[in-house]
Amino acid sequence: MATYVDRAAWFWRGKYWCHLTADSLQELHEFAAELGLKRGWFQEPPKTPYPHYDLTEGKREHALKLGSVELLDRKVFLEKIRELREEWDNERIEG
């Protein structure tokens, strides 16, 4: 299991941001908590197309130091978030 960050390319509120995703929702939430992120900051459908947390560049660097994997290839990152979306969808169906 792993967590992943993409490139910090989205500029908002004076900072560059990226996305944090993982192989599972449980791992995503646990890692986010370790980074000091609030559960209320979790982004999920229908507000956004896929479940993730947004990270500032500073939090991104911290995530990398804690072992998150940097995925700069957009196609690979999109595949990871699609897989997590499937888990999110399945939890809603089984829920």
C-alpha atoms as a PDB file:
ATOM      1  CA  MET A   1       0.000   0.000   0.000  1.00  0.00           C
ATOM      2  CA  ALA A   2       1.140   3.525  -0.711  1.00  0.00           C
ATOM      3  CA  THR A   3       0.140   7.164  -0.867  1.00  0.00           C
ATOM      4  CA  TYR A   4       0.815   9.365  -3.873  1.00  0.00           C
ATOM      5  CA  VAL A   5       1.243  13.059  -4.665  1.00  0.00           C
ATOM      6  CA  ASP A   6       1.173  14.708  -8.057  1.00  0.00           C
ATOM      7  CA  ARG A   7       2.920  17.871  -9.224  1.00  0.00           C
ATOM      8  CA  ALA A   8       2.158  21.061  -7.274  1.00  0.00           C
ATOM      9  CA  ALA A   9       0.799  22.904 -10.286  1.00  0.00           C
ATOM     10  CA  TRP A  10      -2.494  24.404  -9.165  1.00  0.00           C
ATOM     11  CA  PHE A  11      -2.142  28.020  -7.938  1.00  0.00           C
ATOM     12  CA  TRP A  12      -4.803  29.153  -5.453  1.00  0.00           C
ATOM     13  CA  ARG A  13      -4.814  31.600  -2.558  1.00  0.00           C
ATOM     14  CA  GLY A  14      -1.204  32.564  -3.156  1.00  0.00           C
ATOM     15  CA  LYS A  15       0.162  29.006  -3.020  1.00  0.00           C
ATOM     16  CA  TYR A  16       0.795  26.061  -5.293  1.00  0.00           C
ATOM     17  CA  TRP A  17      -1.212  22.954  -4.479  1.00  0.00           C
ATOM     18  CA  CYS A  18      -1.217  19.278  -5.411  1.00  0.00           C
ATOM     19  CA  HIS A  19      -3.346  16.209  -4.719  1.00  0.00           C
ATOM     20  CA  LEU A  20      -2.809  13.377  -2.242  1.00  0.00           C
ATOM     21  CA  THR A  21      -4.306   9.986  -3.030  1.00  0.00           C
ATOM     22  CA  ALA A  22      -3.596   6.403  -1.950  1.00  0.00           C
ATOM     23  CA  ASP A  23      -4.157   2.746  -2.705  1.00  0.00           C
ATOM     24  CA  SER A  24      -7.047   2.655  -0.229  1.00  0.00           C
ATOM     25  CA  LEU A  25      -9.360   5.103   1.481  1.00  0.00           C
ATOM     26  CA  GLN A  26      -8.249   3.910   4.904  1.00  0.00           C
ATOM     27  CA  GLU A  27      -4.616   4.510   4.063  1.00  0.00           C
ATOM     28  CA  LEU A  28      -5.449   7.914   2.580  1.00  0.00           C
ATOM     29  CA  HIS A  29      -7.199   9.061   5.759  1.00  0.00           C
ATOM     30  CA  GLU A  30      -4.517   7.651   8.067  1.00  0.00           C
ATOM     31  CA  PHE A  31      -1.719   9.320   6.111  1.00  0.00           C
ATOM     32  CA  ALA A  32      -3.637  12.609   5.951  1.00  0.00           C
ATOM     33  CA  ALA A  33      -4.036  12.507   9.732  1.00  0.00           C
ATOM     34  CA  GLU A  34      -0.295  11.895  10.080  1.00  0.00           C
ATOM     35  CA  LEU A  35       0.275  15.022   7.960  1.00  0.00           C
ATOM     36  CA  GLY A  36      -1.990  16.995  10.292  1.00  0.00           C
ATOM     37  CA  LEU A  37      -4.860  17.334   7.834  1.00  0.00           C
ATOM     38  CA  LYS A  38      -8.418  17.543   9.123  1.00  0.00           C
ATOM     39  CA  ARG A  39     -10.892  14.909   7.954  1.00  0.00           C
ATOM     40  CA  GLY A  40     -13.201  17.752   6.921  1.00  0.00           C
ATOM     41  CA  TRP A  41     -10.677  18.714   4.242  1.00  0.00           C
ATOM     42  CA  PHE A  42     -11.248  15.404   2.438  1.00  0.00           C
ATOM     43  CA  GLN A  43     -12.499  16.015  -1.095  1.00  0.00           C
ATOM     44  CA  GLU A  44     -15.033  13.484  -2.373  1.00  0.00           C
ATOM     45  CA  PRO A  45     -17.731  13.046  -4.997  1.00  0.00           C
ATOM     46  CA  PRO A  46     -20.009  14.642  -5.953  1.00  0.00           C
ATOM     47  CA  LYS A  47     -18.070  17.802  -5.029  1.00  0.00           C
ATOM     48  CA  THR A  48     -15.062  16.523  -6.967  1.00  0.00           C
ATOM     49  CA  PRO A  49     -14.690  13.629  -9.439  1.00  0.00           C
ATOM     50  CA  TYR A  50     -12.437  11.570  -7.174  1.00  0.00           C
ATOM     51  CA  PRO A  51     -11.560  11.215  -3.468  1.00  0.00           C
ATOM     52  CA  HIS A  52      -8.392  13.065  -2.421  1.00  0.00           C
ATOM     53  CA  TYR A  53      -6.868  15.701  -0.183  1.00  0.00           C
ATOM     54  CA  ASP A  54      -5.358  18.938  -1.478  1.00  0.00           C
ATOM     55  CA  LEU A  55      -1.831  19.730  -0.250  1.00  0.00           C
ATOM     56  CA  THR A  56       0.229  22.897  -0.284  1.00  0.00           C
ATOM     57  CA  GLU A  57       3.819  22.623  -1.486  1.00  0.00           C
ATOM     58  CA  GLY A  58       5.004  22.489   2.127  1.00  0.00           C
ATOM     59  CA  LYS A  59       2.653  19.642   3.015  1.00  0.00           C
ATOM     60  CA  ARG A  60       3.640  17.927  -0.248  1.00  0.00           C
ATOM     61  CA  GLU A  61       7.302  18.008   0.786  1.00  0.00           C
ATOM     62  CA  HIS A  62       6.367  16.663   4.222  1.00  0.00           C
ATOM     63  CA  ALA A  63       4.342  13.863   2.589  1.00  0.00           C
ATOM     64  CA  LEU A  64       7.350  12.913   0.462  1.00  0.00           C
ATOM     65  CA  LYS A  65       9.595  12.826   3.545  1.00  0.00           C
ATOM     66  CA  LEU A  66       7.084  10.500   5.216  1.00  0.00           C
ATOM     67  CA  GLY A  67       7.221   8.129   2.230  1.00  0.00           C
ATOM     68  CA  SER A  68       4.531   9.264  -0.165  1.00  0.00           C
ATOM     69  CA  VAL A  69       5.363   8.433  -3.777  1.00  0.00           C
ATOM     70  CA  GLU A  70       5.752  11.268  -6.279  1.00  0.00           C
ATOM     71  CA  LEU A  71       3.803  10.534  -9.464  1.00  0.00           C
ATOM     72  CA  LEU A  72       4.630  13.163 -12.052  1.00  0.00           C
ATOM     73  CA  ASP A  73       3.236  11.176 -14.985  1.00  0.00           C
ATOM     74  CA  ARG A  74      -0.359  12.452 -15.196  1.00  0.00           C
ATOM     75  CA  LYS A  75      -1.644   9.214 -16.786  1.00  0.00           C
ATOM     76  CA  VAL A  76      -0.243   7.103 -13.942  1.00  0.00           C
ATOM     77  CA  PHE A  77      -1.635   9.465 -11.313  1.00  0.00           C
ATOM     78  CA  LEU A  78      -5.067   9.433 -12.977  1.00  0.00           C
ATOM     79  CA  GLU A  79      -5.063   5.633 -12.923  1.00  0.00           C
ATOM     80  CA  LYS A  80      -4.405   5.672  -9.171  1.00  0.00           C
ATOM     81  CA  ILE A  81      -7.242   8.101  -8.503  1.00  0.00           C
ATOM     82  CA  ARG A  82      -9.608   6.096 -10.708  1.00  0.00           C
ATOM     83  CA  GLU A  83      -8.839   3.001  -8.641  1.00  0.00           C
ATOM     84  CA  LEU A  84      -9.561   4.899  -5.433  1.00  0.00           C
ATOM     85  CA  ARG A  85     -12.801   6.235  -6.925  1.00  0.00           C
ATOM     86  CA  GLU A  86     -13.885   2.635  -7.592  1.00  0.00           C
ATOM     87  CA  GLU A  87     -13.315   1.799  -3.915  1.00  0.00           C
ATOM     88  CA  TRP A  88     -15.251   4.922  -2.890  1.00  0.00           C
ATOM     89  CA  ASP A  89     -18.130   3.963  -5.230  1.00  0.00           C
ATOM     90  CA  ASN A  90     -18.188   0.380  -3.916  1.00  0.00           C
ATOM     91  CA  GLU A  91     -18.368   1.585  -0.317  1.00  0.00           C
ATOM     92  CA  ARG A  92     -21.392   3.716  -1.197  1.00  0.00           C
ATOM     93  CA  ILE A  93     -23.132   0.757  -2.861  1.00  0.00           C
ATOM     94  CA  GLU A  94     -22.365  -1.693  -0.024  1.00  0.00           C
ATOM     95  CA  GLY A  95     -22.803   1.011   2.616  1.00  0.00           C
END
